[in-house]
Amino acid sequence: MTLLEAQDGKEYIIAGIKTDDEDLNAFLFSLGCYSGESITVIRHLKGGCIVAIKDGRYNIDNQLAEAIII
């Protein structure tokens, strides 16, 4: 399942990143978003969602949310 299908307020473990774009992969890694890391969906928005990774909160769009497999 992807982050778009996740429930608000629930913590998940990232199973993988599904993308062929190396820049996107590097960007997600710089946020701390990689396999085995926990991620919490704070709230879904019309164009994406707000997530908490480690000590930060980020607003990610639907393209990024679809690439993150939980």
PDB file of N, CA and C in Angstrom:
ATOM      1  N   MET A   1       0.850  -1.167   0.000  1.00  0.00           N
ATOM      2  CA  MET A   1       0.000   0.000   0.000  1.00  0.00           C
ATOM      3  C   MET A   1       0.901   1.236   0.000  1.00  0.00           C
ATOM      4  N   THR A   2       0.411   2.326  -0.550  1.00  0.00           N
ATOM      5  CA  THR A   2       1.174   3.571  -0.598  1.00  0.00           C
ATOM      6  C   THR A   2       0.692   4.539   0.476  1.00  0.00           C
ATOM      7  N   LEU A   3       1.387   5.646   0.618  1.00  0.00           N
ATOM      8  CA  LEU A   3       0.982   6.647   1.609  1.00  0.00           C
ATOM      9  C   LEU A   3      -0.374   7.263   1.290  1.00  0.00           C
ATOM     10  N   LEU A   4      -0.768   7.261   0.030  1.00  0.00           N
ATOM     11  CA  LEU A   4      -2.078   7.806  -0.332  1.00  0.00           C
ATOM     12  C   LEU A   4      -3.208   6.999   0.295  1.00  0.00           C
ATOM     13  N   GLU A   5      -2.968   5.731   0.578  1.00  0.00           N
ATOM     14  CA  GLU A   5      -3.984   4.855   1.156  1.00  0.00           C
ATOM     15  C   GLU A   5      -3.874   4.755   2.675  1.00  0.00           C
ATOM     16  N   ALA A   6      -2.905   5.413   3.268  1.00  0.00           N
ATOM     17  CA  ALA A   6      -2.663   5.326   4.707  1.00  0.00           C
ATOM     18  C   ALA A   6      -3.704   6.121   5.497  1.00  0.00           C
ATOM     19  N   GLN A   7      -3.893   5.722   6.740  1.00  0.00           N
ATOM     20  CA  GLN A   7      -4.812   6.415   7.635  1.00  0.00           C
ATOM     21  C   GLN A   7      -4.103   7.564   8.332  1.00  0.00           C
ATOM     22  N   ASP A   8      -4.822   8.641   8.538  1.00  0.00           N
ATOM     23  CA  ASP A   8      -4.275   9.786   9.264  1.00  0.00           C
ATOM     24  C   ASP A   8      -3.966   9.408  10.707  1.00  0.00           C
ATOM     25  N   GLY A   9      -2.832   9.892  11.210  1.00  0.00           N
ATOM     26  CA  GLY A   9      -2.464   9.699  12.598  1.00  0.00           C
ATOM     27  C   GLY A   9      -1.850   8.348  12.924  1.00  0.00           C
ATOM     28  N   LYS A  10      -1.671   7.496  11.942  1.00  0.00           N
ATOM     29  CA  LYS A  10      -1.129   6.166  12.191  1.00  0.00           C
ATOM     30  C   LYS A  10       0.322   6.095  11.728  1.00  0.00           C
ATOM     31  N   GLU A  11       1.157   5.412  12.522  1.00  0.00           N
ATOM     32  CA  GLU A  11       2.572   5.256  12.181  1.00  0.00           C
ATOM     33  C   GLU A  11       2.770   3.984  11.365  1.00  0.00           C
ATOM     34  N   TYR A  12       3.587   4.095  10.323  1.00  0.00           N
ATOM     35  CA  TYR A  12       3.884   2.971   9.443  1.00  0.00           C
ATOM     36  C   TYR A  12       5.395   2.822   9.311  1.00  0.00           C
ATOM     37  N   ILE A  13       5.825   1.652   8.859  1.00  0.00           N
ATOM     38  CA  ILE A  13       7.227   1.400   8.538  1.00  0.00           C
ATOM     39  C   ILE A  13       7.345   1.385   7.017  1.00  0.00           C
ATOM     40  N   ILE A  14       8.293   2.123   6.496  1.00  0.00           N
ATOM     41  CA  ILE A  14       8.482   2.195   5.049  1.00  0.00           C
ATOM     42  C   ILE A  14       9.055   0.867   4.557  1.00  0.00           C
ATOM     43  N   ALA A  15       8.344   0.249   3.605  1.00  0.00           N
ATOM     44  CA  ALA A  15       8.782  -1.026   3.042  1.00  0.00           C
ATOM     45  C   ALA A  15       9.710  -0.807   1.853  1.00  0.00           C
ATOM     46  N   GLY A  16       9.573   0.321   1.193  1.00  0.00           N
ATOM     47  CA  GLY A  16      10.416   0.602   0.036  1.00  0.00           C
ATOM     48  C   GLY A  16      10.001   1.860  -0.684  1.00  0.00           C
ATOM     49  N   ILE A  17      10.835   2.268  -1.609  1.00  0.00           N
ATOM     50  CA  ILE A  17      10.573   3.430  -2.449  1.00  0.00           C
ATOM     51  C   ILE A  17      10.472   2.923  -3.884  1.00  0.00           C
ATOM     52  N   LYS A  18       9.355   3.189  -4.524  1.00  0.00           N
ATOM     53  CA  LYS A  18       9.104   2.689  -5.881  1.00  0.00           C
ATOM     54  C   LYS A  18       9.235   3.837  -6.882  1.00  0.00           C
ATOM     55  N   THR A  19      10.448   4.043  -7.365  1.00  0.00           N
ATOM     56  CA  THR A  19      10.690   5.074  -8.368  1.00  0.00           C
ATOM     57  C   THR A  19      11.947   4.745  -9.158  1.00  0.00           C
ATOM     58  N   ASP A  20      11.946   5.141 -10.415  1.00  0.00           N
ATOM     59  CA  ASP A  20      13.136   4.987 -11.257  1.00  0.00           C
ATOM     60  C   ASP A  20      13.926   6.288 -11.335  1.00  0.00           C
ATOM     61  N   ASP A  21      13.377   7.350 -10.764  1.00  0.00           N
ATOM     62  CA  ASP A  21      14.005   8.672 -10.794  1.00  0.00           C
ATOM     63  C   ASP A  21      15.030   8.779  -9.668  1.00  0.00           C
ATOM     64  N   GLU A  22      16.299   8.832 -10.011  1.00  0.00           N
ATOM     65  CA  GLU A  22      17.367   8.906  -9.009  1.00  0.00           C
ATOM     66  C   GLU A  22      17.315  10.193  -8.189  1.00  0.00           C
ATOM     67  N   ASP A  23      16.911  11.309  -8.816  1.00  0.00           N
ATOM     68  CA  ASP A  23      16.804  12.577  -8.085  1.00  0.00           C
ATOM     69  C   ASP A  23      15.716  12.493  -7.019  1.00  0.00           C
ATOM     70  N   LEU A  24      14.593  11.897  -7.372  1.00  0.00           N
ATOM     71  CA  LEU A  24      13.501  11.723  -6.419  1.00  0.00           C
ATOM     72  C   LEU A  24      13.926  10.805  -5.286  1.00  0.00           C
ATOM     73  N   ASN A  25      14.614   9.740  -5.620  1.00  0.00           N
ATOM     74  CA  ASN A  25      15.114   8.802  -4.619  1.00  0.00           C
ATOM     75  C   ASN A  25      16.090   9.486  -3.665  1.00  0.00           C
ATOM     76  N   ALA A  26      16.993  10.295  -4.203  1.00  0.00           N
ATOM     77  CA  ALA A  26      17.966  11.016  -3.378  1.00  0.00           C
ATOM     78  C   ALA A  26      17.273  12.045  -2.490  1.00  0.00           C
ATOM     79  N   PHE A  27      16.251  12.710  -3.026  1.00  0.00           N
ATOM     80  CA  PHE A  27      15.512  13.703  -2.242  1.00  0.00           C
ATOM     81  C   PHE A  27      14.813  13.043  -1.059  1.00  0.00           C
ATOM     82  N   LEU A  28      14.130  11.931  -1.303  1.00  0.00           N
ATOM     83  CA  LEU A  28      13.447  11.226  -0.221  1.00  0.00           C
ATOM     84  C   LEU A  28      14.434  10.723   0.825  1.00  0.00           C
ATOM     85  N   PHE A  29      15.591  10.232   0.375  1.00  0.00           N
ATOM     86  CA  PHE A  29      16.622   9.769   1.304  1.00  0.00           C
ATOM     87  C   PHE A  29      17.119  10.924   2.173  1.00  0.00           C
ATOM     88  N   SER A  30      17.261  12.115   1.590  1.00  0.00           N
ATOM     89  CA  SER A  30      17.724  13.276   2.360  1.00  0.00           C
ATOM     90  C   SER A  30      16.720  13.690   3.440  1.00  0.00           C
ATOM     91  N   LEU A  31      15.442  13.353   3.238  1.00  0.00           N
ATOM     92  CA  LEU A  31      14.418  13.632   4.251  1.00  0.00           C
ATOM     93  C   LEU A  31      14.409  12.581   5.355  1.00  0.00           C
ATOM     94  N   GLY A  32      15.119  11.484   5.124  1.00  0.00           N
ATOM     95  CA  GLY A  32      15.109  10.384   6.084  1.00  0.00           C
ATOM     96  C   GLY A  32      14.087   9.328   5.720  1.00  0.00           C
ATOM     97  N   CYS A  33      13.626   9.357   4.496  1.00  0.00           N
ATOM     98  CA  CYS A  33      12.593   8.451   4.013  1.00  0.00           C
ATOM     99  C   CYS A  33      13.246   7.307   3.239  1.00  0.00           C
ATOM    100  N   TYR A  34      13.436   6.182   3.911  1.00  0.00           N
ATOM    101  CA  TYR A  34      14.043   5.006   3.281  1.00  0.00           C
ATOM    102  C   TYR A  34      13.518   3.756   3.980  1.00  0.00           C
ATOM    103  N   SER A  35      13.772   2.608   3.408  1.00  0.00           N
ATOM    104  CA  SER A  35      13.256   1.330   3.926  1.00  0.00           C
ATOM    105  C   SER A  35      13.638   1.131   5.387  1.00  0.00           C
ATOM    106  N   GLY A  36      12.655   0.700   6.167  1.00  0.00           N
ATOM    107  CA  GLY A  36      12.882   0.422   7.579  1.00  0.00           C
ATOM    108  C   GLY A  36      12.618   1.599   8.498  1.00  0.00           C
ATOM    109  N   GLU A  37      12.482   2.789   7.958  1.00  0.00           N
ATOM    110  CA  GLU A  37      12.245   3.992   8.758  1.00  0.00           C
ATOM    111  C   GLU A  37      10.745   4.141   9.023  1.00  0.00           C
ATOM    112  N   SER A  38      10.398   4.682  10.182  1.00  0.00           N
ATOM    113  CA  SER A  38       8.981   4.905  10.481  1.00  0.00           C
ATOM    114  C   SER A  38       8.526   6.245   9.905  1.00  0.00           C
ATOM    115  N   ILE A  39       7.253   6.285   9.516  1.00  0.00           N
ATOM    116  CA  ILE A  39       6.653   7.490   8.951  1.00  0.00           C
ATOM    117  C   ILE A  39       5.228   7.566   9.465  1.00  0.00           C
ATOM    118  N   THR A  40       4.787   8.768   9.803  1.00  0.00           N
ATOM    119  CA  THR A  40       3.432   8.978  10.295  1.00  0.00           C
ATOM    120  C   THR A  40       2.726   9.954   9.367  1.00  0.00           C
ATOM    121  N   VAL A  41       1.545   9.575   8.918  1.00  0.00           N
ATOM    122  CA  VAL A  41       0.734  10.481   8.103  1.00  0.00           C
ATOM    123  C   VAL A  41      -0.051  11.356   9.076  1.00  0.00           C
ATOM    124  N   ILE A  42       0.262  12.639   9.078  1.00  0.00           N
ATOM    125  CA  ILE A  42      -0.424  13.573   9.971  1.00  0.00           C
ATOM    126  C   ILE A  42      -1.822  13.881   9.432  1.00  0.00           C
ATOM    127  N   ARG A  43      -1.868  14.227   8.129  1.00  0.00           N
ATOM    128  CA  ARG A  43      -3.139  14.603   7.526  1.00  0.00           C
ATOM    129  C   ARG A  43      -3.055  14.515   6.008  1.00  0.00           C
ATOM    130  N   HIS A  44      -4.114  14.062   5.381  1.00  0.00           N
ATOM    131  CA  HIS A  44      -4.200  14.072   3.924  1.00  0.00           C
ATOM    132  C   HIS A  44      -4.765  15.418   3.470  1.00  0.00           C
ATOM    133  N   LEU A  45      -4.201  15.929   2.408  1.00  0.00           N
ATOM    134  CA  LEU A  45      -4.654  17.171   1.795  1.00  0.00           C
ATOM    135  C   LEU A  45      -5.098  16.875   0.376  1.00  0.00           C
ATOM    136  N   LYS A  46      -5.673  17.868  -0.279  1.00  0.00           N
ATOM    137  CA  LYS A  46      -6.150  17.671  -1.646  1.00  0.00           C
ATOM    138  C   LYS A  46      -5.021  17.293  -2.603  1.00  0.00           C
ATOM    139  N   GLY A  47      -3.874  17.927  -2.480  1.00  0.00           N
ATOM    140  CA  GLY A  47      -2.777  17.684  -3.407  1.00  0.00           C
ATOM    141  C   GLY A  47      -1.682  16.780  -2.866  1.00  0.00           C
ATOM    142  N   GLY A  48      -1.856  16.203  -1.685  1.00  0.00           N
ATOM    143  CA  GLY A  48      -0.810  15.370  -1.102  1.00  0.00           C
ATOM    144  C   GLY A  48      -1.115  15.072   0.348  1.00  0.00           C
ATOM    145  N   CYS A  49      -0.069  15.064   1.181  1.00  0.00           N
ATOM    146  CA  CYS A  49      -0.274  14.814   2.601  1.00  0.00           C
ATOM    147  C   CYS A  49       0.883  15.384   3.413  1.00  0.00           C
ATOM    148  N   ILE A  50       0.617  15.567   4.691  1.00  0.00           N
ATOM    149  CA  ILE A  50       1.630  16.022   5.638  1.00  0.00           C
ATOM    150  C   ILE A  50       2.087  14.791   6.408  1.00  0.00           C
ATOM    151  N   VAL A  51       3.406  14.579   6.437  1.00  0.00           N
ATOM    152  CA  VAL A  51       3.962  13.409   7.101  1.00  0.00           C
ATOM    153  C   VAL A  51       5.013  13.834   8.117  1.00  0.00           C
ATOM    154  N   ALA A  52       5.235  12.970   9.094  1.00  0.00           N
ATOM    155  CA  ALA A  52       6.299  13.168  10.075  1.00  0.00           C
ATOM    156  C   ALA A  52       7.315  12.057   9.876  1.00  0.00           C
ATOM    157  N   ILE A  53       8.565  12.463   9.617  1.00  0.00           N
ATOM    158  CA  ILE A  53       9.675  11.528   9.464  1.00  0.00           C
ATOM    159  C   ILE A  53      10.764  11.989  10.420  1.00  0.00           C
ATOM    160  N   LYS A  54      11.168  11.100  11.310  1.00  0.00           N
ATOM    161  CA  LYS A  54      12.147  11.442  12.356  1.00  0.00           C
ATOM    162  C   LYS A  54      11.644  12.657  13.129  1.00  0.00           C
ATOM    163  N   ASP A  55      12.385  13.758  13.146  1.00  0.00           N
ATOM    164  CA  ASP A  55      11.987  14.941  13.915  1.00  0.00           C
ATOM    165  C   ASP A  55      11.359  16.031  13.058  1.00  0.00           C
ATOM    166  N   GLY A  56      11.082  15.747  11.793  1.00  0.00           N
ATOM    167  CA  GLY A  56      10.561  16.779  10.900  1.00  0.00           C
ATOM    168  C   GLY A  56       9.180  16.460  10.360  1.00  0.00           C
ATOM    169  N   ARG A  57       8.486  17.523   9.978  1.00  0.00           N
ATOM    170  CA  ARG A  57       7.185  17.395   9.303  1.00  0.00           C
ATOM    171  C   ARG A  57       7.342  17.955   7.906  1.00  0.00           C
ATOM    172  N   TYR A  58       6.771  17.221   6.934  1.00  0.00           N
ATOM    173  CA  TYR A  58       6.918  17.614   5.539  1.00  0.00           C
ATOM    174  C   TYR A  58       5.575  17.516   4.825  1.00  0.00           C
ATOM    175  N   ASN A  59       5.374  18.420   3.892  1.00  0.00           N
ATOM    176  CA  ASN A  59       4.213  18.383   3.023  1.00  0.00           C
ATOM    177  C   ASN A  59       4.678  17.777   1.702  1.00  0.00           C
ATOM    178  N   ILE A  60       4.183  16.586   1.365  1.00  0.00           N
ATOM    179  CA  ILE A  60       4.613  15.936   0.136  1.00  0.00           C
ATOM    180  C   ILE A  60       3.424  15.834  -0.818  1.00  0.00           C
ATOM    181  N   ASP A  61       3.711  15.919  -2.103  1.00  0.00           N
ATOM    182  CA  ASP A  61       2.642  15.849  -3.090  1.00  0.00           C
ATOM    183  C   ASP A  61       2.264  14.406  -3.384  1.00  0.00           C
ATOM    184  N   ASN A  62       1.233  14.234  -4.210  1.00  0.00           N
ATOM    185  CA  ASN A  62       0.731  12.893  -4.506  1.00  0.00           C
ATOM    186  C   ASN A  62       1.756  12.019  -5.215  1.00  0.00           C
ATOM    187  N   GLN A  63       2.598  12.595  -6.058  1.00  0.00           N
ATOM    188  CA  GLN A  63       3.622  11.822  -6.762  1.00  0.00           C
ATOM    189  C   GLN A  63       4.595  11.193  -5.767  1.00  0.00           C
ATOM    190  N   LEU A  64       5.055  11.970  -4.789  1.00  0.00           N
ATOM    191  CA  LEU A  64       5.942  11.428  -3.759  1.00  0.00           C
ATOM    192  C   LEU A  64       5.217  10.397  -2.885  1.00  0.00           C
ATOM    193  N   ALA A  65       3.974  10.691  -2.537  1.00  0.00           N
ATOM    194  CA  ALA A  65       3.216   9.777  -1.685  1.00  0.00           C
ATOM    195  C   ALA A  65       2.984   8.438  -2.365  1.00  0.00           C
ATOM    196  N   GLU A  66       2.810   8.434  -3.674  1.00  0.00           N
ATOM    197  CA  GLU A  66       2.630   7.182  -4.410  1.00  0.00           C
ATOM    198  C   GLU A  66       3.927   6.372  -4.486  1.00  0.00           C
ATOM    199  N   ALA A  67       5.052   7.028  -4.414  1.00  0.00           N
ATOM    200  CA  ALA A  67       6.347   6.342  -4.524  1.00  0.00           C
ATOM    201  C   ALA A  67       6.736   5.656  -3.211  1.00  0.00           C
ATOM    202  N   ILE A  68       6.144   6.051  -2.099  1.00  0.00           N
ATOM    203  CA  ILE A  68       6.496   5.491  -0.792  1.00  0.00           C
ATOM    204  C   ILE A  68       5.575   4.323  -0.462  1.00  0.00           C
ATOM    205  N   ILE A  69       6.157   3.140  -0.406  1.00  0.00           N
ATOM    206  CA  ILE A  69       5.411   1.908  -0.131  1.00  0.00           C
ATOM    207  C   ILE A  69       5.526   1.585   1.356  1.00  0.00           C
ATOM    208  N   ILE A  70       4.370   1.353   1.987  1.00  0.00           N
ATOM    209  CA  ILE A  70       4.345   1.035   3.420  1.00  0.00           C
ATOM    210  C   ILE A  70       3.755  -0.341   3.642  1.00  0.00           C
TER     211      ILE A  70
END
